Amino acid sequence: METTYIQTSDGKAKVEWWPEEKFRNRATEVFTAETYERISVPDDVILCDFCNITIEEFPVPVVWGTHALCKPCLEKMSK
């Protein structure tokens, strides 16, 4: 996995370039006042965390260790 840095309006941001296999066995967690639920995310569903479009090109740029970005959103962030 490659790591690069981009310049943003808030300073430098670390970008990790994740291969397809890094997106396997993911889940999202939902907490309420009385419950906790872990919901599996299909391995082939990778959405941009900024605009929600489907990402199909690999490697995928990931910022802050958790946010997958499409190429247009990565370009917007680095301006």
Protein backbone atom coordinates (compact mmCIF):
# COMPACT_ATOMS: atom_id res chain seq x y z
CA MET A 1 0.00 0.00 0.00
CA GLU A 2 1.43 3.32 -1.09
CA THR A 3 1.23 6.47 1.04
CA THR A 4 1.39 10.00 -0.33
CA TYR A 5 0.55 13.47 0.96
CA ILE A 6 -1.56 16.23 -0.55
CA GLN A 7 -1.67 19.90 0.28
CA THR A 8 -5.11 21.07 1.45
CA SER A 9 -6.44 24.39 2.70
CA ASP A 10 -5.89 23.01 6.24
CA GLY A 11 -2.34 21.83 5.62
CA LYS A 12 -0.98 18.44 4.57
CA ALA A 13 -3.20 15.36 4.49
CA LYS A 14 -1.97 11.78 4.39
CA VAL A 15 -3.40 9.68 1.54
CA GLU A 16 -3.19 5.89 1.64
CA TRP A 17 -3.80 4.08 -1.65
CA TRP A 18 -5.80 0.95 -0.78
CA PRO A 19 -5.93 -2.13 -3.03
CA GLU A 20 -9.24 -3.93 -3.54
CA GLU A 21 -8.49 -6.59 -0.92
CA LYS A 22 -8.24 -3.94 1.83
CA PHE A 23 -12.02 -3.39 1.49
CA ARG A 24 -12.96 -6.97 2.40
CA ASN A 25 -14.84 -7.93 5.59
CA ARG A 26 -15.95 -4.39 6.45
CA ALA A 27 -18.87 -3.40 8.66
CA THR A 28 -20.56 -0.30 9.93
CA GLU A 29 -21.63 0.09 13.54
CA VAL A 30 -24.90 1.63 14.64
CA PHE A 31 -25.32 2.76 18.23
CA THR A 32 -28.53 3.95 19.84
CA ALA A 33 -29.37 4.63 23.48
CA GLU A 34 -30.18 0.97 24.08
CA THR A 35 -28.77 -1.03 21.16
CA TYR A 36 -25.64 -1.75 19.23
CA GLU A 37 -25.67 -3.32 15.80
CA ARG A 38 -22.85 -4.28 13.44
CA ILE A 39 -23.94 -4.38 9.80
CA SER A 40 -21.76 -6.05 7.16
CA VAL A 41 -20.84 -4.02 4.09
CA PRO A 42 -20.59 -6.02 0.83
CA ASP A 43 -16.98 -6.34 -0.33
CA ASP A 44 -17.78 -4.95 -3.78
CA VAL A 45 -19.56 -1.81 -2.54
CA ILE A 46 -17.07 1.03 -2.23
CA LEU A 47 -18.55 4.52 -2.11
CA CYS A 48 -16.87 7.89 -1.99
CA ASP A 49 -17.33 9.18 1.56
CA PHE A 50 -17.70 12.74 0.23
CA CYS A 51 -20.13 12.39 -2.72
CA ASN A 52 -21.40 8.77 -2.44
CA ILE A 53 -20.62 7.69 -6.02
CA THR A 54 -19.44 4.12 -6.55
CA ILE A 55 -15.67 3.73 -6.77
CA GLU A 56 -14.51 1.04 -9.18
CA GLU A 57 -10.88 2.00 -9.87
CA PHE A 58 -8.04 0.69 -7.74
CA PRO A 59 -6.07 1.60 -5.76
CA VAL A 60 -8.54 3.85 -3.90
CA PRO A 61 -7.28 7.00 -2.18
CA VAL A 62 -8.18 6.96 1.53
CA VAL A 63 -7.70 10.02 3.77
CA TRP A 64 -7.63 10.13 7.57
CA GLY A 65 -7.38 6.31 7.56
CA THR A 66 -11.11 5.81 7.02
CA HIS A 67 -12.50 7.97 4.19
CA ALA A 68 -12.42 6.55 0.65
CA LEU A 69 -12.47 9.20 -2.07
CA CYS A 70 -13.24 9.18 -5.77
CA LYS A 71 -10.62 10.86 -7.96
CA PRO A 72 -12.69 14.07 -8.50
CA CYS A 73 -13.19 14.54 -4.74
CA LEU A 74 -9.49 13.94 -4.10
CA GLU A 75 -8.69 16.64 -6.66
CA LYS A 76 -11.15 19.06 -5.02
CA MET A 77 -9.68 18.37 -1.59
CA SER A 78 -6.14 19.05 -2.77
CA LYS A 79 -6.89 22.56 -4.00
